[in-house]
Amino acid sequence: MNQDNTLQPDDVKVVLDRTRIRILKILGERRHTLSELSKHLNLSKTTVLHHLKILEKSGYIVRVGEGRKWIYHELSESGRAILRWKSIRVAIPLAIFILSGIAMLVQRFKPPEPAYPKMSGAEISVAHTLLGISVFLMLIYLYWWSKIRKPPM
């Protein structure tokens, strides 16, 4: 991630890995040692260390406590930005769905239109169009989310 917190092409493969995303989420709560992360993720220390090195090299986490007995890992500002970006990505489709539902209710309780001129079947109200698009987008989003959601611990 660069200075203006935009995701770069090289960063995509770093954050698309489920284990690394789980590590970022865990470190979003507080800083942890390698042993704590290994126990929390139920993975070997070498596997966790491999992911930590990739995240550290990309600038998403930093090591704290060099030269001490315990070395902690915590999120950098770029790592916090990734977690904020993920929460915004969830909120946008939800907001579209809620707004289209409100538009549908407003359309439903609108006074009936006069019988003439009759509307053809091809003319659909704006509220129905918004609802259809938002339902379609939510279905795509839910399918996508089911593919990347974190596995149960």
Protein backbone atom coordinates (compact mmCIF):
# COMPACT_ATOMS: atom_id res chain seq x y z
CA MET A 1 0.00 0.00 0.00
CA ASN A 2 1.41 3.39 -0.86
CA GLN A 3 1.25 6.73 1.00
CA ASP A 4 -2.37 7.50 0.02
CA ASN A 5 -3.51 4.02 1.21
CA THR A 6 -4.35 2.65 -2.22
CA LEU A 7 -3.82 -1.02 -2.91
CA GLN A 8 -1.00 -1.71 -5.37
CA PRO A 9 -0.95 -4.70 -7.78
CA ASP A 10 1.89 -6.38 -5.84
CA ASP A 11 -0.12 -6.09 -2.61
CA VAL A 12 -3.09 -8.02 -3.97
CA LYS A 13 -1.46 -11.44 -3.64
CA VAL A 14 -0.39 -10.53 -0.11
CA VAL A 15 -3.90 -9.75 1.14
CA LEU A 16 -5.77 -12.43 -0.82
CA ASP A 17 -4.40 -15.21 1.36
CA ARG A 18 -6.89 -16.24 4.09
CA THR A 19 -4.20 -16.92 6.67
CA ARG A 20 -2.65 -13.50 6.22
CA ILE A 21 -6.04 -11.82 6.48
CA ARG A 22 -6.71 -13.77 9.68
CA ILE A 23 -3.33 -12.65 11.03
CA LEU A 24 -4.15 -9.02 10.22
CA LYS A 25 -7.52 -9.33 11.98
CA ILE A 26 -5.94 -10.89 15.07
CA LEU A 27 -3.25 -8.22 15.18
CA GLY A 28 -6.00 -5.61 14.80
CA GLU A 29 -7.15 -6.50 18.31
CA ARG A 30 -3.70 -6.26 19.96
CA ARG A 31 -0.06 -7.16 19.33
CA HIS A 32 0.96 -10.83 19.58
CA THR A 33 4.06 -13.01 19.68
CA LEU A 34 4.74 -15.76 17.17
CA SER A 35 3.71 -18.42 19.71
CA GLU A 36 0.41 -16.68 20.48
CA LEU A 37 -0.42 -16.37 16.80
CA SER A 38 0.51 -20.00 16.19
CA LYS A 39 -1.84 -21.19 18.95
CA HIS A 40 -4.61 -18.82 17.89
CA LEU A 41 -4.44 -19.92 14.24
CA ASN A 42 -3.78 -23.57 15.08
CA LEU A 43 -0.82 -23.58 12.66
CA SER A 44 2.86 -24.44 13.08
CA LYS A 45 5.24 -21.66 14.07
CA THR A 46 7.17 -22.02 10.79
CA THR A 47 3.98 -21.52 8.75
CA VAL A 48 2.98 -18.46 10.78
CA LEU A 49 6.53 -17.10 10.58
CA HIS A 50 6.44 -17.45 6.78
CA HIS A 51 3.23 -15.38 6.61
CA LEU A 52 4.57 -12.83 9.11
CA LYS A 53 7.69 -12.29 6.98
CA ILE A 54 5.55 -11.66 3.89
CA LEU A 55 3.32 -9.21 5.80
CA GLU A 56 6.35 -7.47 7.31
CA LYS A 57 8.09 -7.19 3.93
CA SER A 58 4.95 -5.64 2.41
CA GLY A 59 4.73 -3.15 5.29
CA TYR A 60 1.46 -4.32 6.86
CA ILE A 61 2.99 -5.33 10.21
CA VAL A 62 6.02 -4.32 12.25
CA ARG A 63 8.16 -6.17 14.79
CA VAL A 64 8.32 -4.65 18.27
CA GLY A 65 10.84 -5.55 20.96
CA GLU A 66 13.99 -6.32 18.98
CA GLY A 67 16.76 -7.52 21.28
CA ARG A 68 14.33 -8.61 24.00
CA LYS A 69 13.22 -12.07 24.99
CA TRP A 70 9.76 -11.65 23.42
CA ILE A 71 9.27 -10.22 19.94
CA TYR A 72 5.79 -8.89 19.26
CA HIS A 73 4.14 -8.22 15.92
CA GLU A 74 1.64 -5.42 15.48
CA LEU A 75 -0.19 -3.70 12.64
CA SER A 76 1.39 -0.81 10.81
CA GLU A 77 -0.72 2.06 9.50
CA SER A 78 -1.04 0.23 6.15
CA GLY A 79 -2.31 -2.86 7.96
CA ARG A 80 -4.94 -0.80 9.77
CA ALA A 81 -5.97 0.73 6.43
CA ILE A 82 -6.53 -2.76 4.98
CA LEU A 83 -8.85 -3.66 7.85
CA ARG A 84 -10.76 -0.36 7.46
CA TRP A 85 -11.07 -0.99 3.71
CA LYS A 86 -12.57 -4.44 4.35
CA SER A 87 -15.20 -3.02 6.71
CA ILE A 88 -16.17 -0.33 4.19
CA ARG A 89 -16.50 -2.99 1.48
CA VAL A 90 -19.13 -4.75 3.60
CA ALA A 91 -21.07 -1.56 4.38
CA ILE A 92 -21.59 -0.34 0.80
CA PRO A 93 -23.70 -3.28 -0.53
CA LEU A 94 -25.68 -3.31 2.71
CA ALA A 95 -26.47 0.40 2.35
CA ILE A 96 -27.57 -0.10 -1.28
CA PHE A 97 -29.86 -2.94 -0.23
CA ILE A 98 -31.46 -0.90 2.58
CA LEU A 99 -31.97 2.17 0.39
CA SER A 100 -33.59 0.13 -2.37
CA GLY A 101 -35.93 -1.43 0.21
CA ILE A 102 -36.94 2.04 1.38
CA ALA A 103 -37.52 3.10 -2.23
CA MET A 104 -39.69 0.01 -2.72
CA LEU A 105 -41.81 0.88 0.33
CA VAL A 106 -42.23 4.47 -0.84
CA GLN A 107 -43.29 3.21 -4.26
CA ARG A 108 -45.74 0.73 -2.73
CA PHE A 109 -47.58 3.33 -0.65
CA LYS A 110 -47.73 5.89 -3.41
CA PRO A 111 -51.31 6.75 -4.50
CA PRO A 112 -52.46 4.73 -7.51
CA GLU A 113 -51.87 6.21 -10.92
CA PRO A 114 -54.81 6.93 -13.24
CA ALA A 115 -55.93 4.07 -15.47
CA TYR A 116 -55.07 5.99 -18.65
CA PRO A 117 -52.64 6.03 -20.30
CA LYS A 118 -51.80 2.43 -19.56
CA MET A 119 -48.19 1.55 -19.02
CA SER A 120 -46.71 -1.26 -21.05
CA GLY A 121 -45.08 -4.23 -19.35
CA ALA A 122 -41.66 -2.99 -20.47
CA GLU A 123 -41.90 0.14 -18.33
CA ILE A 124 -40.71 -0.68 -14.84
CA SER A 125 -40.63 1.77 -11.96
CA VAL A 126 -37.32 3.12 -10.71
CA ALA A 127 -37.83 1.52 -7.30
CA HIS A 128 -38.31 -1.93 -8.80
CA THR A 129 -35.24 -1.50 -10.97
CA LEU A 130 -33.15 -0.44 -7.99
CA LEU A 131 -34.41 -3.36 -5.95
CA GLY A 132 -33.66 -5.84 -8.72
CA ILE A 133 -30.15 -4.49 -9.22
CA SER A 134 -29.43 -4.43 -5.49
CA VAL A 135 -30.71 -7.99 -4.99
CA PHE A 136 -28.53 -9.13 -7.87
CA LEU A 137 -25.50 -7.32 -6.43
CA MET A 138 -26.18 -8.75 -2.96
CA LEU A 139 -26.36 -12.27 -4.39
CA ILE A 140 -23.05 -11.80 -6.18
CA TYR A 141 -21.55 -10.29 -3.03
CA LEU A 142 -22.81 -13.12 -0.80
CA TYR A 143 -21.43 -15.71 -3.22
CA TRP A 144 -18.08 -13.93 -3.28
CA TRP A 145 -18.06 -13.53 0.52
CA SER A 146 -18.79 -17.23 1.01
CA LYS A 147 -15.66 -18.00 -1.02
CA ILE A 148 -13.30 -15.80 1.06
CA ARG A 149 -14.79 -15.88 4.55
CA LYS A 150 -12.50 -17.09 7.25
CA PRO A 151 -12.85 -20.76 8.23
CA PRO A 152 -14.28 -21.51 11.67
CA MET A 153 -11.72 -21.69 14.46
